[in-house]
Amino acid sequence: MACIAGAFVLSACGGAQISATVTPITSGNTTTSASATTTPAQPANAASDGGTGTQQTSDNGAQPVVSSNPSNCKSSELKLSFGHDSDHAMQKTYTSIQFTNTGQRTCTLQGFPGVSFVTGDNGQQVGQAANRSGNQGPAITLRPGSSTNAGLIIVNADPFPADQCKPVDVRGLRVYPPNETAAMFLPSSGRGCAGSVGPLLTVSSVGTSITS
């Protein structure tokens, strides 16, 4: 991958598990911590969906389950950016998606955002939606101007065999904030796999980070 705001860079080792710790970001009464093991794409034996590999969806789906809580932050009230905590480990990137409340009211975020690679002017999804790591964290209250992050691991597509990966240049990430149906777009050039290698993205609940 080429860059995340300058750096879609690293990847998971083929077939190996990534042992990751999901840690709450200090905010309000966020006190829980969970250790989780995530399974990256496995180029040697990933199951094929029998298609041409142009697009896949995850069991988690890119679009999260919606809650009717009126205090939930709406996509129109949020601004997306990459966090400033990117860590380039061996063949993978640990970073985060930052949600900033640009609205006029205090709102809350809780749970996992839906995240997937997209390409083209029509925003076609590339590969599977992000895996989820760890447990759902507590509700995060965002006053106007305040921010919270969800941890993100990005796996580089380049080491996978081209016939399995079916590499596609991507424009960035489609992001559904928790409990929202209106998608947002986070631009970042890179490369995804449209084939059957499994998800290249892993995301944690808002208010938590993922470390190796």
N, C-alpha and C. Protein backbone atom coordinates (compact mmCIF):
# COMPACT_ATOMS: atom_id res chain seq x y z
N MET A 1 0.83 -1.16 0.00
CA MET A 1 0.00 0.00 0.00
C MET A 1 0.88 1.24 0.00
N ALA A 2 0.39 2.36 -0.50
CA ALA A 2 1.25 3.51 -0.68
C ALA A 2 1.30 4.42 0.52
N CYS A 3 0.17 4.90 1.02
CA CYS A 3 0.23 5.86 2.13
C CYS A 3 -1.06 5.96 2.91
N ILE A 4 -0.94 6.35 4.19
CA ILE A 4 -2.07 6.79 5.01
C ILE A 4 -1.77 8.25 5.28
N ALA A 5 -2.52 9.13 4.59
CA ALA A 5 -2.21 10.54 4.69
C ALA A 5 -0.71 10.66 4.54
N GLY A 6 -0.17 9.90 3.71
CA GLY A 6 1.22 9.70 3.50
C GLY A 6 1.72 8.33 3.87
N ALA A 7 0.86 7.35 4.33
CA ALA A 7 1.48 6.06 4.71
C ALA A 7 0.59 4.86 4.83
N PHE A 8 0.08 4.28 3.74
CA PHE A 8 -0.45 2.91 3.76
C PHE A 8 0.76 2.04 3.51
N VAL A 9 1.45 1.56 4.51
CA VAL A 9 2.78 1.06 4.25
C VAL A 9 2.99 -0.42 4.49
N LEU A 10 2.49 -0.98 5.57
CA LEU A 10 2.96 -2.28 6.00
C LEU A 10 1.92 -3.37 5.94
N SER A 11 2.30 -4.60 6.28
CA SER A 11 1.37 -5.72 6.13
C SER A 11 1.58 -6.76 7.19
N ALA A 12 0.62 -7.71 7.27
CA ALA A 12 0.74 -8.84 8.18
C ALA A 12 1.53 -9.95 7.51
N CYS A 13 2.25 -10.73 8.30
CA CYS A 13 2.97 -11.88 7.76
C CYS A 13 1.95 -12.90 7.27
N GLY A 14 2.19 -13.49 6.11
CA GLY A 14 1.22 -14.40 5.52
C GLY A 14 0.89 -15.56 6.43
N GLY A 15 -0.40 -15.69 6.78
CA GLY A 15 -0.87 -16.85 7.52
C GLY A 15 -0.67 -16.79 9.01
N ALA A 16 0.15 -15.88 9.53
CA ALA A 16 0.40 -15.83 10.96
C ALA A 16 -0.67 -15.01 11.65
N GLN A 17 -0.89 -15.26 12.95
CA GLN A 17 -1.84 -14.45 13.70
C GLN A 17 -1.15 -13.21 14.23
N ILE A 18 -1.94 -12.11 14.29
CA ILE A 18 -1.45 -10.90 14.92
C ILE A 18 -2.00 -10.88 16.33
N SER A 19 -1.11 -10.89 17.32
CA SER A 19 -1.56 -10.78 18.70
C SER A 19 -1.62 -9.30 19.05
N ALA A 20 -2.81 -8.79 19.29
CA ALA A 20 -3.00 -7.36 19.50
C ALA A 20 -3.71 -7.11 20.81
N THR A 21 -3.33 -6.02 21.48
CA THR A 21 -3.99 -5.62 22.71
C THR A 21 -4.85 -4.40 22.45
N VAL A 22 -6.12 -4.49 22.81
CA VAL A 22 -7.05 -3.38 22.66
C VAL A 22 -7.13 -2.66 23.99
N THR A 23 -6.74 -1.39 24.01
CA THR A 23 -6.62 -0.64 25.25
C THR A 23 -7.49 0.60 25.20
N PRO A 24 -8.31 0.84 26.23
CA PRO A 24 -9.13 2.05 26.25
C PRO A 24 -8.28 3.31 26.23
N ILE A 25 -8.75 4.30 25.49
CA ILE A 25 -8.14 5.62 25.52
C ILE A 25 -8.78 6.37 26.68
N THR A 26 -7.96 7.00 27.51
CA THR A 26 -8.49 7.68 28.69
C THR A 26 -9.48 8.76 28.29
N SER A 27 -10.73 8.56 28.71
CA SER A 27 -11.80 9.51 28.38
C SER A 27 -12.98 9.23 29.29
N GLY A 28 -13.36 10.20 30.09
CA GLY A 28 -14.50 10.01 30.99
C GLY A 28 -14.27 8.84 31.90
N ASN A 29 -15.24 7.90 31.94
CA ASN A 29 -15.12 6.75 32.83
C ASN A 29 -14.74 5.50 32.06
N THR A 30 -14.01 5.66 30.95
CA THR A 30 -13.55 4.52 30.17
C THR A 30 -12.43 3.83 30.92
N THR A 31 -12.72 2.66 31.49
CA THR A 31 -11.72 2.01 32.33
C THR A 31 -11.42 0.58 31.96
N THR A 32 -12.18 0.01 31.01
CA THR A 32 -11.98 -1.40 30.70
C THR A 32 -10.85 -1.60 29.71
N SER A 33 -10.28 -2.80 29.74
CA SER A 33 -9.22 -3.16 28.80
C SER A 33 -9.42 -4.60 28.40
N ALA A 34 -9.14 -4.91 27.12
CA ALA A 34 -9.33 -6.28 26.64
C ALA A 34 -8.18 -6.68 25.76
N SER A 35 -7.75 -7.93 25.87
CA SER A 35 -6.72 -8.46 24.99
C SER A 35 -7.39 -9.32 23.94
N ALA A 36 -7.00 -9.12 22.69
CA ALA A 36 -7.66 -9.83 21.60
C ALA A 36 -6.65 -10.33 20.60
N THR A 37 -6.95 -11.44 19.95
CA THR A 37 -6.12 -11.95 18.87
C THR A 37 -6.90 -11.83 17.58
N THR A 38 -6.30 -11.16 16.60
CA THR A 38 -6.97 -10.99 15.32
C THR A 38 -6.28 -11.85 14.28
N THR A 39 -7.04 -12.32 13.31
CA THR A 39 -6.49 -13.19 12.28
C THR A 39 -6.41 -12.44 10.97
N PRO A 40 -5.21 -12.15 10.47
CA PRO A 40 -5.07 -11.43 9.22
C PRO A 40 -5.34 -12.33 8.03
N ALA A 41 -5.28 -11.73 6.85
CA ALA A 41 -5.44 -12.49 5.63
C ALA A 41 -4.39 -13.58 5.54
N GLN A 42 -4.76 -14.73 4.95
CA GLN A 42 -3.86 -15.87 4.84
C GLN A 42 -3.70 -16.24 3.37
N PRO A 43 -2.64 -15.76 2.73
CA PRO A 43 -2.52 -15.96 1.29
C PRO A 43 -2.36 -17.40 0.87
N ALA A 44 -1.86 -18.27 1.72
CA ALA A 44 -1.58 -19.65 1.30
C ALA A 44 -2.84 -20.50 1.20
N ASN A 45 -3.80 -20.27 2.09
CA ASN A 45 -4.94 -21.18 2.12
C ASN A 45 -6.27 -20.48 2.33
N ALA A 46 -6.34 -19.21 2.00
CA ALA A 46 -7.61 -18.51 2.18
C ALA A 46 -8.67 -19.11 1.28
N ALA A 47 -9.89 -19.26 1.84
CA ALA A 47 -10.97 -19.86 1.07
C ALA A 47 -11.45 -18.91 -0.01
N SER A 48 -11.75 -19.44 -1.17
CA SER A 48 -12.24 -18.63 -2.27
C SER A 48 -13.76 -18.57 -2.22
N ASP A 49 -14.31 -17.40 -2.65
CA ASP A 49 -15.76 -17.29 -2.70
C ASP A 49 -16.30 -17.77 -4.04
N GLY A 50 -15.41 -18.22 -4.93
CA GLY A 50 -15.83 -18.76 -6.20
C GLY A 50 -16.10 -17.71 -7.24
N GLY A 51 -15.96 -16.42 -6.89
CA GLY A 51 -16.20 -15.36 -7.85
C GLY A 51 -14.92 -14.91 -8.50
N THR A 52 -15.01 -13.78 -9.16
CA THR A 52 -13.84 -13.25 -9.85
C THR A 52 -12.99 -12.41 -8.93
N GLY A 53 -13.48 -12.16 -7.73
CA GLY A 53 -12.68 -11.41 -6.76
C GLY A 53 -12.80 -9.91 -6.91
N THR A 54 -13.79 -9.40 -7.60
CA THR A 54 -13.91 -7.97 -7.76
C THR A 54 -14.39 -7.28 -6.49
N GLN A 55 -15.13 -7.99 -5.65
CA GLN A 55 -15.66 -7.36 -4.44
C GLN A 55 -16.10 -8.45 -3.48
N GLN A 56 -15.86 -8.20 -2.17
CA GLN A 56 -16.31 -9.12 -1.14
C GLN A 56 -16.94 -8.33 -0.02
N THR A 57 -17.74 -9.00 0.80
CA THR A 57 -18.27 -8.39 2.00
C THR A 57 -17.94 -9.26 3.19
N SER A 58 -17.84 -8.64 4.37
CA SER A 58 -17.52 -9.35 5.59
C SER A 58 -18.79 -9.74 6.31
N ASP A 59 -18.70 -10.79 7.15
CA ASP A 59 -19.84 -11.13 8.00
C ASP A 59 -20.20 -9.96 8.90
N ASN A 60 -19.14 -9.21 9.33
CA ASN A 60 -19.41 -8.04 10.16
C ASN A 60 -20.13 -6.97 9.35
N GLY A 61 -19.84 -6.90 8.07
CA GLY A 61 -20.41 -5.87 7.21
C GLY A 61 -19.74 -4.54 7.44
N ALA A 62 -19.69 -3.72 6.40
CA ALA A 62 -19.11 -2.39 6.55
C ALA A 62 -20.07 -1.47 7.27
N GLN A 63 -21.36 -1.79 7.26
CA GLN A 63 -22.37 -0.93 7.86
C GLN A 63 -22.83 -1.51 9.19
N PRO A 64 -22.62 -0.80 10.31
CA PRO A 64 -22.96 -1.35 11.62
C PRO A 64 -24.46 -1.36 11.88
N VAL A 65 -24.84 -2.12 12.92
CA VAL A 65 -26.23 -2.14 13.37
C VAL A 65 -26.59 -0.76 13.91
N VAL A 66 -27.80 -0.32 13.65
CA VAL A 66 -28.21 1.04 13.99
C VAL A 66 -29.01 1.08 15.28
N SER A 67 -28.67 2.01 16.15
CA SER A 67 -29.42 2.27 17.38
C SER A 67 -30.26 3.53 17.18
N SER A 68 -31.42 3.59 17.83
CA SER A 68 -32.30 4.75 17.68
C SER A 68 -32.04 5.83 18.72
N ASN A 69 -30.97 5.70 19.50
CA ASN A 69 -30.66 6.67 20.55
C ASN A 69 -30.46 8.06 19.94
N PRO A 70 -31.27 9.04 20.33
CA PRO A 70 -31.16 10.37 19.71
C PRO A 70 -29.86 11.09 20.03
N SER A 71 -29.14 10.62 21.05
CA SER A 71 -27.88 11.27 21.40
C SER A 71 -26.71 10.79 20.53
N ASN A 72 -26.94 9.77 19.69
CA ASN A 72 -25.86 9.28 18.83
C ASN A 72 -25.36 10.39 17.90
N CYS A 73 -24.05 10.42 17.71
CA CYS A 73 -23.48 11.37 16.76
C CYS A 73 -23.86 10.98 15.34
N LYS A 74 -24.25 11.94 14.54
CA LYS A 74 -24.59 11.73 13.14
C LYS A 74 -23.37 11.99 12.26
N SER A 75 -23.34 11.35 11.12
CA SER A 75 -22.22 11.56 10.19
C SER A 75 -22.06 13.03 9.85
N SER A 76 -23.18 13.73 9.72
CA SER A 76 -23.13 15.15 9.37
C SER A 76 -22.52 16.01 10.47
N GLU A 77 -22.39 15.45 11.67
CA GLU A 77 -21.82 16.19 12.80
C GLU A 77 -20.36 15.83 13.05
N LEU A 78 -19.81 14.97 12.21
CA LEU A 78 -18.47 14.44 12.46
C LEU A 78 -17.50 14.78 11.34
N LYS A 79 -16.24 14.88 11.70
CA LYS A 79 -15.15 14.99 10.74
C LYS A 79 -14.21 13.83 10.96
N LEU A 80 -13.74 13.20 9.88
CA LEU A 80 -12.82 12.07 9.97
C LEU A 80 -11.39 12.51 9.67
N SER A 81 -10.45 11.87 10.35
CA SER A 81 -9.03 12.03 10.04
C SER A 81 -8.31 10.82 10.58
N PHE A 82 -7.06 10.64 10.16
CA PHE A 82 -6.24 9.60 10.76
C PHE A 82 -5.63 10.15 12.04
N GLY A 83 -5.53 9.31 13.07
CA GLY A 83 -4.91 9.72 14.32
C GLY A 83 -3.43 9.95 14.14
N HIS A 84 -2.84 10.59 15.12
CA HIS A 84 -1.41 10.91 15.05
C HIS A 84 -0.56 9.85 15.73
N ASP A 85 -1.12 8.65 15.89
CA ASP A 85 -0.42 7.60 16.63
C ASP A 85 -0.02 6.43 15.74
N SER A 86 0.22 6.68 14.45
CA SER A 86 0.58 5.60 13.55
C SER A 86 1.89 4.95 13.98
N ASP A 87 1.93 3.63 13.94
CA ASP A 87 3.11 2.85 14.33
C ASP A 87 3.35 1.81 13.25
N HIS A 88 4.47 1.90 12.57
CA HIS A 88 4.77 0.97 11.49
C HIS A 88 5.57 -0.20 12.05
N ALA A 89 4.87 -1.27 12.36
CA ALA A 89 5.51 -2.49 12.85
C ALA A 89 5.89 -3.34 11.65
N MET A 90 6.42 -4.53 11.91
CA MET A 90 6.88 -5.39 10.83
C MET A 90 5.71 -5.79 9.93
N GLN A 91 5.71 -5.28 8.71
CA GLN A 91 4.74 -5.62 7.68
C GLN A 91 3.29 -5.31 8.04
N LYS A 92 3.05 -4.33 8.90
CA LYS A 92 1.69 -3.88 9.18
C LYS A 92 1.73 -2.48 9.79
N THR A 93 0.63 -1.78 9.70
CA THR A 93 0.52 -0.43 10.24
C THR A 93 -0.55 -0.39 11.32
N TYR A 94 -0.19 0.10 12.49
CA TYR A 94 -1.15 0.36 13.56
C TYR A 94 -1.44 1.86 13.55
N THR A 95 -2.68 2.22 13.34
CA THR A 95 -3.05 3.63 13.33
C THR A 95 -4.43 3.76 13.97
N SER A 96 -5.14 4.83 13.70
CA SER A 96 -6.49 4.99 14.24
C SER A 96 -7.28 5.95 13.36
N ILE A 97 -8.59 5.82 13.46
CA ILE A 97 -9.50 6.76 12.81
C ILE A 97 -10.02 7.70 13.88
N GLN A 98 -9.85 8.99 13.65
CA GLN A 98 -10.29 9.99 14.63
C GLN A 98 -11.63 10.58 14.21
N PHE A 99 -12.56 10.62 15.16
CA PHE A 99 -13.88 11.21 14.95
C PHE A 99 -13.94 12.51 15.76
N THR A 100 -14.14 13.63 15.09
CA THR A 100 -14.23 14.93 15.76
C THR A 100 -15.64 15.48 15.62
N ASN A 101 -16.21 15.91 16.73
CA ASN A 101 -17.55 16.48 16.73
C ASN A 101 -17.48 17.92 16.21
N THR A 102 -17.97 18.13 15.00
CA THR A 102 -18.01 19.47 14.41
C THR A 102 -19.40 20.09 14.50
N GLY A 103 -20.30 19.41 15.18
CA GLY A 103 -21.67 19.90 15.31
C GLY A 103 -21.83 20.91 16.43
N GLN A 104 -23.08 21.26 16.69
CA GLN A 104 -23.40 22.28 17.69
C GLN A 104 -23.91 21.68 19.00
N ARG A 105 -23.98 20.35 19.07
CA ARG A 105 -24.51 19.71 20.27
C ARG A 105 -23.55 18.64 20.75
N THR A 106 -23.70 18.27 22.01
CA THR A 106 -22.96 17.14 22.56
C THR A 106 -23.63 15.85 22.10
N CYS A 107 -22.82 14.88 21.65
CA CYS A 107 -23.38 13.61 21.17
C CYS A 107 -22.48 12.47 21.63
N THR A 108 -22.92 11.25 21.40
CA THR A 108 -22.18 10.09 21.88
C THR A 108 -21.88 9.11 20.75
N LEU A 109 -20.75 8.41 20.89
CA LEU A 109 -20.37 7.32 20.01
C LEU A 109 -20.11 6.09 20.86
N GLN A 110 -20.59 4.94 20.42
CA GLN A 110 -20.32 3.69 21.13
C GLN A 110 -20.32 2.54 20.14
N GLY A 111 -19.28 1.73 20.22
CA GLY A 111 -19.22 0.55 19.38
C GLY A 111 -18.21 0.66 18.25
N PHE A 112 -18.38 -0.21 17.26
CA PHE A 112 -17.42 -0.35 16.18
C PHE A 112 -17.86 0.43 14.94
N PRO A 113 -16.97 1.20 14.35
CA PRO A 113 -17.29 1.76 13.04
C PRO A 113 -17.21 0.68 11.98
N GLY A 114 -17.94 0.85 10.89
CA GLY A 114 -17.79 -0.01 9.73
C GLY A 114 -16.75 0.60 8.80
N VAL A 115 -15.78 -0.20 8.37
CA VAL A 115 -14.66 0.33 7.58
C VAL A 115 -14.37 -0.60 6.41
N SER A 116 -14.17 -0.04 5.24
CA SER A 116 -13.77 -0.84 4.08
C SER A 116 -13.01 0.04 3.09
N PHE A 117 -12.19 -0.61 2.26
CA PHE A 117 -11.52 0.09 1.17
C PHE A 117 -12.51 0.38 0.05
N VAL A 118 -12.33 1.50 -0.64
CA VAL A 118 -13.15 1.79 -1.81
C VAL A 118 -12.27 2.30 -2.95
N THR A 119 -12.78 2.14 -4.17
CA THR A 119 -12.07 2.59 -5.36
C THR A 119 -13.05 3.22 -6.33
N GLY A 120 -12.52 4.00 -7.27
CA GLY A 120 -13.34 4.57 -8.32
C GLY A 120 -14.22 5.71 -7.85
N ASP A 121 -14.76 6.43 -8.82
CA ASP A 121 -15.60 7.57 -8.50
C ASP A 121 -16.92 7.18 -7.84
N ASN A 122 -17.34 5.92 -8.06
CA ASN A 122 -18.61 5.47 -7.47
C ASN A 122 -18.42 4.81 -6.11
N GLY A 123 -17.20 4.78 -5.59
CA GLY A 123 -16.97 4.23 -4.26
C GLY A 123 -17.19 2.74 -4.15
N GLN A 124 -16.79 1.97 -5.17
CA GLN A 124 -16.95 0.52 -5.12
C GLN A 124 -16.07 -0.08 -4.02
N GLN A 125 -16.66 -0.96 -3.20
CA GLN A 125 -15.90 -1.60 -2.13
C GLN A 125 -14.88 -2.57 -2.70
N VAL A 126 -13.70 -2.57 -2.10
CA VAL A 126 -12.62 -3.48 -2.50
C VAL A 126 -12.33 -4.41 -1.33
N GLY A 127 -12.51 -5.71 -1.55
CA GLY A 127 -12.23 -6.68 -0.50
C GLY A 127 -13.27 -6.66 0.61
N GLN A 128 -12.94 -7.37 1.68
CA GLN A 128 -13.87 -7.52 2.79
C GLN A 128 -13.81 -6.32 3.73
N ALA A 129 -14.92 -6.08 4.41
CA ALA A 129 -14.96 -5.05 5.44
C ALA A 129 -14.06 -5.44 6.60
N ALA A 130 -13.71 -4.46 7.42
CA ALA A 130 -12.77 -4.68 8.51
C ALA A 130 -13.27 -5.69 9.53
N ASN A 131 -12.35 -6.55 9.99
CA ASN A 131 -12.61 -7.38 11.16
C ASN A 131 -12.74 -6.50 12.40
N ARG A 132 -13.42 -7.01 13.41
CA ARG A 132 -13.52 -6.30 14.68
C ARG A 132 -12.60 -6.93 15.71
N SER A 133 -11.92 -6.10 16.48
CA SER A 133 -10.98 -6.56 17.49
C SER A 133 -11.40 -6.05 18.86
N GLY A 134 -11.43 -6.96 19.85
CA GLY A 134 -11.80 -6.56 21.20
C GLY A 134 -13.30 -6.47 21.41
N ASN A 135 -13.67 -5.95 22.56
CA ASN A 135 -15.08 -5.82 22.94
C ASN A 135 -15.58 -4.41 22.68
N GLN A 136 -16.90 -4.27 22.64
CA GLN A 136 -17.47 -2.93 22.53
C GLN A 136 -17.17 -2.15 23.79
N GLY A 137 -16.65 -0.95 23.62
CA GLY A 137 -16.33 -0.11 24.76
C GLY A 137 -17.53 0.68 25.24
N PRO A 138 -17.36 1.44 26.31
CA PRO A 138 -18.45 2.27 26.84
C PRO A 138 -18.75 3.43 25.89
N ALA A 139 -19.88 4.07 26.10
CA ALA A 139 -20.23 5.24 25.29
C ALA A 139 -19.23 6.37 25.54
N ILE A 140 -18.83 7.03 24.46
CA ILE A 140 -17.91 8.16 24.54
C ILE A 140 -18.71 9.43 24.25
N THR A 141 -18.69 10.35 25.19
CA THR A 141 -19.40 11.62 25.02
C THR A 141 -18.48 12.63 24.35
N LEU A 142 -18.95 13.20 23.25
CA LEU A 142 -18.17 14.19 22.51
C LEU A 142 -18.85 15.55 22.57
N ARG A 143 -18.23 16.48 23.27
CA ARG A 143 -18.71 17.86 23.22
C ARG A 143 -18.26 18.48 21.90
N PRO A 144 -18.89 19.54 21.46
CA PRO A 144 -18.46 20.18 20.22
C PRO A 144 -16.96 20.49 20.23
N GLY A 145 -16.26 20.05 19.19
CA GLY A 145 -14.83 20.28 19.08
C GLY A 145 -13.97 19.17 19.65
N SER A 146 -14.56 18.23 20.39
CA SER A 146 -13.76 17.15 20.97
C SER A 146 -13.72 15.93 20.05
N SER A 147 -12.78 15.02 20.33
CA SER A 147 -12.52 13.89 19.44
C SER A 147 -12.36 12.59 20.21
N THR A 148 -12.56 11.48 19.51
CA THR A 148 -12.21 10.16 20.02
C THR A 148 -11.71 9.34 18.85
N ASN A 149 -11.02 8.24 19.14
CA ASN A 149 -10.41 7.42 18.10
C ASN A 149 -10.87 5.97 18.18
N ALA A 150 -10.85 5.30 17.04
CA ALA A 150 -11.00 3.84 16.98
C ALA A 150 -9.72 3.28 16.38
N GLY A 151 -9.16 2.27 17.02
CA GLY A 151 -7.91 1.68 16.53
C GLY A 151 -8.09 1.01 15.18
N LEU A 152 -7.04 1.01 14.36
CA LEU A 152 -7.10 0.44 13.02
C LEU A 152 -5.77 -0.22 12.68
N ILE A 153 -5.84 -1.47 12.20
CA ILE A 153 -4.67 -2.15 11.64
C ILE A 153 -4.88 -2.27 10.14
N ILE A 154 -3.86 -1.92 9.37
CA ILE A 154 -3.92 -2.02 7.91
C ILE A 154 -2.84 -2.98 7.44
N VAL A 155 -3.26 -3.97 6.67
CA VAL A 155 -2.37 -4.99 6.13
C VAL A 155 -2.02 -4.62 4.69
N ASN A 156 -0.74 -4.67 4.37
CA ASN A 156 -0.29 -4.35 3.02
C ASN A 156 -0.64 -5.47 2.06
N ALA A 157 -1.16 -5.11 0.90
CA ALA A 157 -1.56 -6.11 -0.09
C ALA A 157 -0.38 -6.65 -0.90
N ASP A 158 0.71 -5.93 -0.95
CA ASP A 158 1.79 -6.26 -1.89
C ASP A 158 2.40 -7.65 -1.72
N PRO A 159 2.59 -8.19 -0.49
CA PRO A 159 3.23 -9.50 -0.38
C PRO A 159 2.38 -10.68 -0.86
N PHE A 160 1.09 -10.50 -1.04
CA PHE A 160 0.23 -11.61 -1.43
C PHE A 160 0.40 -11.94 -2.92
N PRO A 161 0.31 -13.22 -3.29
CA PRO A 161 0.36 -13.58 -4.71
C PRO A 161 -0.73 -12.83 -5.48
N ALA A 162 -0.35 -12.30 -6.63
CA ALA A 162 -1.27 -11.46 -7.39
C ALA A 162 -2.54 -12.20 -7.80
N ASP A 163 -2.42 -13.51 -8.08
CA ASP A 163 -3.61 -14.25 -8.51
C ASP A 163 -4.59 -14.47 -7.37
N GLN A 164 -4.12 -14.44 -6.12
CA GLN A 164 -5.01 -14.55 -4.97
C GLN A 164 -5.52 -13.18 -4.54
N CYS A 165 -4.62 -12.21 -4.52
CA CYS A 165 -4.98 -10.87 -4.04
C CYS A 165 -5.85 -10.11 -5.04
N LYS A 166 -5.51 -10.20 -6.31
CA LYS A 166 -6.14 -9.36 -7.34
C LYS A 166 -6.06 -7.89 -6.90
N PRO A 167 -4.83 -7.34 -6.84
CA PRO A 167 -4.63 -6.01 -6.29
C PRO A 167 -5.38 -4.91 -7.04
N VAL A 168 -5.90 -3.97 -6.27
CA VAL A 168 -6.65 -2.84 -6.82
C VAL A 168 -6.18 -1.58 -6.09
N ASP A 169 -5.88 -0.53 -6.85
CA ASP A 169 -5.57 0.75 -6.23
C ASP A 169 -6.83 1.33 -5.61
N VAL A 170 -6.71 1.78 -4.37
CA VAL A 170 -7.88 2.31 -3.66
C VAL A 170 -7.72 3.81 -3.42
N ARG A 171 -8.87 4.46 -3.25
CA ARG A 171 -8.89 5.91 -3.03
C ARG A 171 -8.89 6.27 -1.55
N GLY A 172 -9.30 5.30 -0.71
CA GLY A 172 -9.39 5.58 0.71
C GLY A 172 -10.33 4.62 1.39
N LEU A 173 -10.91 5.07 2.50
CA LEU A 173 -11.76 4.23 3.33
C LEU A 173 -13.19 4.77 3.37
N ARG A 174 -14.15 3.86 3.21
CA ARG A 174 -15.54 4.18 3.53
C ARG A 174 -15.74 3.87 5.01
N VAL A 175 -16.25 4.82 5.75
CA VAL A 175 -16.41 4.66 7.20
C VAL A 175 -17.85 4.97 7.59
N TYR A 176 -18.47 4.01 8.27
CA TYR A 176 -19.77 4.25 8.90
C TYR A 176 -19.52 4.46 10.39
N PRO A 177 -19.77 5.64 10.94
CA PRO A 177 -19.67 5.79 12.39
C PRO A 177 -20.61 4.80 13.07
N PRO A 178 -20.31 4.42 14.31
CA PRO A 178 -21.20 3.48 15.01
C PRO A 178 -22.64 3.98 15.01
N ASN A 179 -23.56 3.05 14.75
CA ASN A 179 -25.00 3.34 14.78
C ASN A 179 -25.43 4.37 13.74
N GLU A 180 -24.72 4.43 12.62
CA GLU A 180 -25.07 5.34 11.54
C GLU A 180 -25.20 4.59 10.23
N THR A 181 -26.09 5.06 9.36
CA THR A 181 -26.25 4.47 8.03
C THR A 181 -25.70 5.37 6.94
N ALA A 182 -25.32 6.60 7.30
CA ALA A 182 -24.73 7.52 6.32
C ALA A 182 -23.22 7.35 6.33
N ALA A 183 -22.68 6.94 5.19
CA ALA A 183 -21.25 6.67 5.10
C ALA A 183 -20.45 7.97 5.00
N MET A 184 -19.20 7.89 5.46
CA MET A 184 -18.25 8.98 5.32
C MET A 184 -17.05 8.45 4.54
N PHE A 185 -16.23 9.36 4.04
CA PHE A 185 -15.08 8.97 3.23
C PHE A 185 -13.82 9.58 3.82
N LEU A 186 -12.80 8.73 3.99
CA LEU A 186 -11.50 9.17 4.49
C LEU A 186 -10.47 8.93 3.40
N PRO A 187 -10.04 9.97 2.66
CA PRO A 187 -9.15 9.74 1.54
C PRO A 187 -7.78 9.26 1.98
N SER A 188 -7.22 8.33 1.23
CA SER A 188 -5.86 7.84 1.44
C SER A 188 -5.53 6.85 0.34
N SER A 189 -4.52 7.14 -0.44
CA SER A 189 -4.16 6.24 -1.53
C SER A 189 -3.49 4.99 -0.99
N GLY A 190 -3.66 3.91 -1.69
CA GLY A 190 -3.06 2.64 -1.28
C GLY A 190 -3.49 1.53 -2.22
N ARG A 191 -3.38 0.31 -1.76
CA ARG A 191 -3.75 -0.85 -2.58
C ARG A 191 -4.47 -1.86 -1.71
N GLY A 192 -5.58 -2.37 -2.21
CA GLY A 192 -6.33 -3.42 -1.53
C GLY A 192 -6.35 -4.68 -2.35
N CYS A 193 -6.90 -5.74 -1.77
CA CYS A 193 -7.05 -7.02 -2.46
C CYS A 193 -8.53 -7.25 -2.75
N ALA A 194 -8.87 -7.39 -4.03
CA ALA A 194 -10.24 -7.70 -4.41
C ALA A 194 -10.48 -9.20 -4.47
N GLY A 195 -9.43 -9.99 -4.28
CA GLY A 195 -9.54 -11.44 -4.34
C GLY A 195 -9.92 -12.06 -3.02
N SER A 196 -9.47 -13.31 -2.83
CA SER A 196 -9.96 -14.13 -1.72
C SER A 196 -8.95 -14.29 -0.59
N VAL A 197 -8.19 -13.25 -0.29
CA VAL A 197 -7.17 -13.38 0.76
C VAL A 197 -7.69 -13.02 2.15
N GLY A 198 -8.91 -12.55 2.26
CA GLY A 198 -9.44 -12.19 3.57
C GLY A 198 -9.30 -10.70 3.82
N PRO A 199 -9.90 -10.20 4.90
CA PRO A 199 -9.87 -8.76 5.19
C PRO A 199 -8.47 -8.26 5.48
N LEU A 200 -8.15 -7.09 4.97
CA LEU A 200 -6.86 -6.45 5.22
C LEU A 200 -6.97 -5.37 6.29
N LEU A 201 -8.15 -5.19 6.85
CA LEU A 201 -8.39 -4.15 7.84
C LEU A 201 -8.93 -4.77 9.13
N THR A 202 -8.50 -4.23 10.26
CA THR A 202 -9.03 -4.62 11.57
C THR A 202 -9.31 -3.34 12.35
N VAL A 203 -10.47 -3.24 12.97
CA VAL A 203 -10.86 -2.03 13.67
C VAL A 203 -11.30 -2.37 15.09
N SER A 204 -11.08 -1.45 16.02
CA SER A 204 -11.53 -1.62 17.39
C SER A 204 -12.68 -0.65 17.68
N SER A 205 -13.30 -0.84 18.82
CA SER A 205 -14.38 0.04 19.26
C SER A 205 -13.87 1.46 19.45
N VAL A 206 -14.74 2.45 19.27
CA VAL A 206 -14.32 3.83 19.53
C VAL A 206 -13.92 3.97 20.99
N GLY A 207 -12.94 4.83 21.22
CA GLY A 207 -12.43 5.01 22.57
C GLY A 207 -11.34 4.04 22.94
N THR A 208 -10.92 3.17 22.00
CA THR A 208 -9.85 2.21 22.27
C THR A 208 -8.81 2.28 21.17
N SER A 209 -7.62 1.80 21.48
CA SER A 209 -6.55 1.71 20.49
C SER A 209 -6.08 0.27 20.40
N ILE A 210 -5.41 -0.07 19.30
CA ILE A 210 -4.86 -1.41 19.12
C ILE A 210 -3.35 -1.31 19.09
N THR A 211 -2.69 -2.08 19.92
CA THR A 211 -1.23 -2.11 19.92
C THR A 211 -0.75 -3.54 19.72
N SER A 212 0.47 -3.67 19.22
CA SER A 212 1.01 -5.00 18.95
C SER A 212 1.40 -5.70 20.24
